[in-house]
Protein backbone atom coordinates (compact mmCIF):
# COMPACT_ATOMS: atom_id res chain seq x y z
CA MET A 1 -0.14 0.50 -0.13
CA LEU A 2 3.04 2.46 0.85
CA ALA A 3 4.09 1.90 -3.24
CA ASP A 4 0.79 3.15 -4.15
CA PRO A 5 0.96 6.74 -5.52
CA LEU A 6 -2.49 7.63 -4.67
CA PHE A 7 -2.69 6.04 -1.06
CA LEU A 8 0.43 8.47 -0.26
CA ILE A 9 -1.34 11.10 -2.44
CA VAL A 10 -3.86 10.71 0.14
CA ALA A 11 -1.49 11.11 2.88
CA ALA A 12 0.24 14.11 1.77
CA SER A 13 -3.15 15.61 1.28
CA LEU A 14 -4.57 14.69 5.10
CA LEU A 15 -0.32 15.96 7.07
CA VAL A 16 -1.83 19.29 4.38
CA VAL A 17 -4.80 19.39 6.19
CA LEU A 18 -2.89 18.78 9.92
CA VAL A 19 -0.62 20.90 9.55
CA ILE A 20 -2.79 23.76 8.66
CA LEU A 21 -4.87 23.32 11.47
CA ALA A 22 -2.12 22.65 14.00
CA ILE A 23 -0.75 26.11 12.22
CA GLY A 24 -4.52 27.46 12.81
CA VAL A 25 -4.46 26.63 16.85
CA GLY A 26 -1.58 27.77 17.12
CA ASN A 27 -1.67 31.57 16.12
CA PHE A 28 -5.59 31.59 17.92
CA GLY A 29 -3.64 30.50 21.13
CA ARG A 30 -1.42 33.78 20.92
CA GLY A 31 -5.20 35.85 21.49
CA GLY A 32 -5.30 39.52 19.91
CA GLU A 33 -7.29 40.54 17.35
CA ALA A 34 -4.89 39.87 14.66
CA ALA A 35 -3.93 36.48 15.57
CA ALA A 36 -7.85 35.93 15.71
CA LYS A 37 -8.00 37.45 11.75
CA ASN A 38 -4.83 35.31 10.80
CA SER A 39 -6.88 32.04 12.22
CA ASN A 40 -9.70 32.96 10.59
CA LYS A 41 -7.42 32.52 7.29
CA TYR A 42 -5.65 29.90 8.16
CA MET A 43 -9.27 28.02 9.19
CA ARG A 44 -10.93 29.29 5.66
CA TRP A 45 -7.67 27.31 4.17
CA ARG A 46 -8.09 24.33 6.38
CA ILE A 47 -11.31 23.64 4.68
CA TYR A 48 -10.56 24.21 1.17
CA ALA A 49 -7.14 21.90 2.31
CA GLN A 50 -10.52 19.49 3.56
CA ALA A 51 -12.37 19.47 0.28
CA VAL A 52 -9.09 18.34 -2.06
CA ALA A 53 -8.94 15.82 1.32
CA ILE A 54 -12.19 14.35 0.16
CA VAL A 55 -12.03 15.00 -3.02
CA VAL A 56 -8.77 12.68 -3.09
CA ILE A 57 -9.88 9.95 -0.52
CA LEU A 58 -12.84 9.60 -2.61
CA ALA A 59 -10.90 9.30 -5.65
CA PHE A 60 -9.01 6.84 -3.44
CA VAL A 61 -11.46 4.74 -3.41
CA PHE A 62 -13.25 4.68 -6.70
CA PHE A 63 -10.62 3.38 -8.46
CA ARG A 64 -9.06 0.66 -5.72
CA GLN A 65 -12.70 -1.42 -6.04
């Protein structure tokens, strides 16, 4: 399974979502108005990254049936 390129793309997309989430939560923990604004931006990016990850996961499931 680790040799499957589509699986590696799925894993990479999930890792990107995790990193964006960690950055957003960490930024939110600092407090202040600027941090809140940036955290909101990071959380928007997370939603987009999650949408891409879901599409990639569905493609993985579809092609591996």
